[in-house]
Amino acid sequence: MTLPRWRSARDSGSITLMLAVLFVALIAMAGIVIDGGAKLNQAENATAIAQEAARAGAGMVNQGQALSTGSFTVDQAQAIAAAQQYLSSAGYHGSVTPVGAESIQVTVIVTGPTKVLSIIGIDSMTSTGSATASLVTGVTGPQR
């Protein structure tokens, strides 16, 4: 059997190799787009959970000091307990630390599975969200 002049024996199968490489690249790009978008969403959720937990904790006023002196500060022990309670009831893990006398900071770490990148061995993604909330008392005016 003779091959046509425009085709030689060494060209045999080269298009198959090229398509295989392009297919792998296409799957990788789809994984970056799909799982990258999921990671952005996961990071937003982690930040939102951290904000809500920080708000839950920052509202814990030291009532004894408020009644005796009239000054409002955060009860650090109650604030940490309230923020940790919020995290555990929401099903998340994180750390809560006091920042000064009127603020607490919450950091949440969220891990989720990948959808497409698991094909190449990346099975999960981790996102971190952090927020600080402060106790505000009285009436506040518009920011200028």
Protein backbone atom coordinates (compact mmCIF):
# COMPACT_ATOMS: atom_id res chain seq x y z
CA MET A 1 0.00 0.00 0.00
CA THR A 2 1.39 3.38 -0.90
CA LEU A 3 0.56 6.59 0.88
CA PRO A 4 -0.57 9.68 -1.01
CA ARG A 5 2.15 12.22 -1.74
CA TRP A 6 0.81 14.79 0.75
CA ARG A 7 0.92 12.34 3.65
CA SER A 8 3.98 10.58 4.97
CA ALA A 9 4.33 7.74 7.47
CA ARG A 10 5.90 9.95 10.13
CA ASP A 11 2.81 12.26 10.20
CA SER A 12 0.58 9.39 11.25
CA GLY A 13 -1.17 10.09 14.58
CA SER A 14 0.16 13.63 15.07
CA ILE A 15 -3.33 15.16 15.07
CA THR A 16 -4.41 12.71 17.80
CA LEU A 17 -1.53 13.82 20.04
CA MET A 18 -2.35 17.47 19.45
CA LEU A 19 -6.03 16.91 20.30
CA ALA A 20 -5.10 15.04 23.47
CA VAL A 21 -2.89 17.91 24.64
CA LEU A 22 -5.57 20.49 23.81
CA PHE A 23 -8.21 18.45 25.62
CA VAL A 24 -6.11 18.34 28.80
CA ALA A 25 -5.52 22.10 28.55
CA LEU A 26 -9.25 22.69 28.05
CA ILE A 27 -10.12 20.60 31.13
CA ALA A 28 -7.51 22.49 33.18
CA MET A 29 -8.93 25.86 32.08
CA ALA A 30 -12.48 24.72 32.91
CA GLY A 31 -11.25 23.61 36.33
CA ILE A 32 -9.65 26.97 36.99
CA VAL A 33 -12.81 28.83 35.98
CA ILE A 34 -15.33 26.59 37.78
CA ASP A 35 -13.34 25.86 40.94
CA GLY A 36 -11.81 29.35 40.99
CA GLY A 37 -15.31 30.84 41.06
CA ALA A 38 -16.28 28.42 43.82
CA LYS A 39 -13.20 29.51 45.83
CA LEU A 40 -14.19 33.17 45.50
CA ASN A 41 -17.69 32.32 46.72
CA GLN A 42 -16.24 30.27 49.58
CA ALA A 43 -14.00 33.18 50.61
CA GLU A 44 -17.00 35.54 50.64
CA ASN A 45 -18.90 33.08 52.83
CA ALA A 46 -15.96 32.76 55.22
CA THR A 47 -15.78 36.54 55.57
CA ALA A 48 -19.55 36.84 56.09
CA ILE A 49 -19.49 34.18 58.83
CA ALA A 50 -16.53 35.93 60.50
CA GLN A 51 -18.40 39.25 60.40
CA GLU A 52 -21.54 37.79 61.95
CA ALA A 53 -19.59 35.99 64.68
CA ALA A 54 -17.65 39.18 65.47
CA ARG A 55 -20.91 41.14 65.70
CA ALA A 56 -22.38 38.52 68.02
CA GLY A 57 -19.39 38.86 70.32
CA ALA A 58 -18.90 42.62 70.20
CA GLY A 59 -22.39 43.20 71.57
CA MET A 60 -21.54 41.58 74.92
CA VAL A 61 -21.32 44.56 77.26
CA ASN A 62 -19.60 44.33 80.62
CA GLN A 63 -22.80 45.04 82.59
CA GLY A 64 -21.13 45.40 85.98
CA GLN A 65 -18.82 48.13 84.75
CA ALA A 66 -21.61 49.82 82.79
CA LEU A 67 -23.84 50.00 85.87
CA SER A 68 -21.13 51.11 88.28
CA THR A 69 -19.19 53.60 86.14
CA GLY A 70 -21.44 54.30 83.17
CA SER A 71 -18.71 53.37 80.67
CA PHE A 72 -19.38 50.64 78.18
CA THR A 73 -16.76 48.04 77.32
CA VAL A 74 -16.92 44.56 75.90
CA ASP A 75 -16.93 41.71 78.40
CA GLN A 76 -14.07 39.80 76.78
CA ALA A 77 -14.99 36.38 78.19
CA GLN A 78 -18.64 36.68 77.15
CA ALA A 79 -17.66 38.11 73.75
CA ILE A 80 -15.32 35.23 72.98
CA ALA A 81 -17.90 32.69 74.17
CA ALA A 82 -20.67 34.32 72.10
CA ALA A 83 -18.55 34.42 68.94
CA GLN A 84 -17.43 30.81 69.38
CA GLN A 85 -21.04 29.77 70.04
CA TYR A 86 -22.11 31.48 66.82
CA LEU A 87 -19.37 29.69 64.87
CA SER A 88 -20.20 26.27 66.29
CA SER A 89 -23.95 26.72 65.75
CA ALA A 90 -23.26 27.69 62.13
CA GLY A 91 -21.00 24.65 61.72
CA TYR A 92 -17.69 26.49 61.21
CA HIS A 93 -14.34 26.53 62.97
CA GLY A 94 -12.34 29.62 63.73
CA SER A 95 -10.43 31.64 66.27
CA VAL A 96 -11.63 34.56 68.35
CA THR A 97 -9.24 37.07 69.88
CA PRO A 98 -9.85 40.31 71.79
CA VAL A 99 -8.57 43.54 70.26
CA GLY A 100 -8.36 46.24 72.90
CA ALA A 101 -11.22 46.82 75.33
CA GLU A 102 -14.00 47.33 72.79
CA SER A 103 -13.32 44.97 69.85
CA ILE A 104 -12.93 41.33 68.96
CA GLN A 105 -11.47 39.72 65.87
CA VAL A 106 -12.77 36.48 64.37
CA THR A 107 -10.93 34.39 61.79
CA VAL A 108 -12.78 31.58 60.02
CA ILE A 109 -11.23 28.84 57.89
CA VAL A 110 -13.52 27.07 55.41
CA THR A 111 -12.51 24.01 53.40
CA GLY A 112 -14.60 22.75 50.50
CA PRO A 113 -14.29 20.09 47.81
CA THR A 114 -13.33 20.85 44.22
CA LYS A 115 -15.54 19.87 41.32
CA VAL A 116 -13.21 19.71 38.32
CA LEU A 117 -9.68 20.05 39.70
CA SER A 118 -10.08 16.77 41.57
CA ILE A 119 -9.31 15.15 38.21
CA ILE A 120 -5.70 16.32 38.56
CA GLY A 121 -5.44 15.56 42.28
CA ILE A 122 -6.57 18.85 43.88
CA ASP A 123 -9.41 17.57 46.05
CA SER A 124 -10.13 20.57 48.29
CA MET A 125 -9.75 24.32 48.60
CA THR A 126 -9.28 26.33 51.78
CA SER A 127 -10.42 29.91 52.27
CA THR A 128 -9.93 32.24 55.22
CA GLY A 129 -12.17 35.10 56.27
CA SER A 130 -11.47 37.59 59.02
CA ALA A 131 -13.46 40.40 60.62
CA THR A 132 -13.20 42.78 63.54
CA ALA A 133 -16.22 44.23 65.30
CA SER A 134 -16.28 47.00 67.87
CA LEU A 135 -18.79 47.98 70.51
CA VAL A 136 -20.50 51.23 69.53
CA THR A 137 -22.63 53.01 72.10
CA GLY A 138 -24.85 56.02 71.79
CA VAL A 139 -26.06 57.74 68.67
CA THR A 140 -23.59 58.11 65.88
CA GLY A 141 -23.90 60.68 63.14
CA PRO A 142 -23.10 60.40 59.47
CA GLN A 143 -19.47 60.00 58.52
CA ARG A 144 -17.96 63.13 56.96
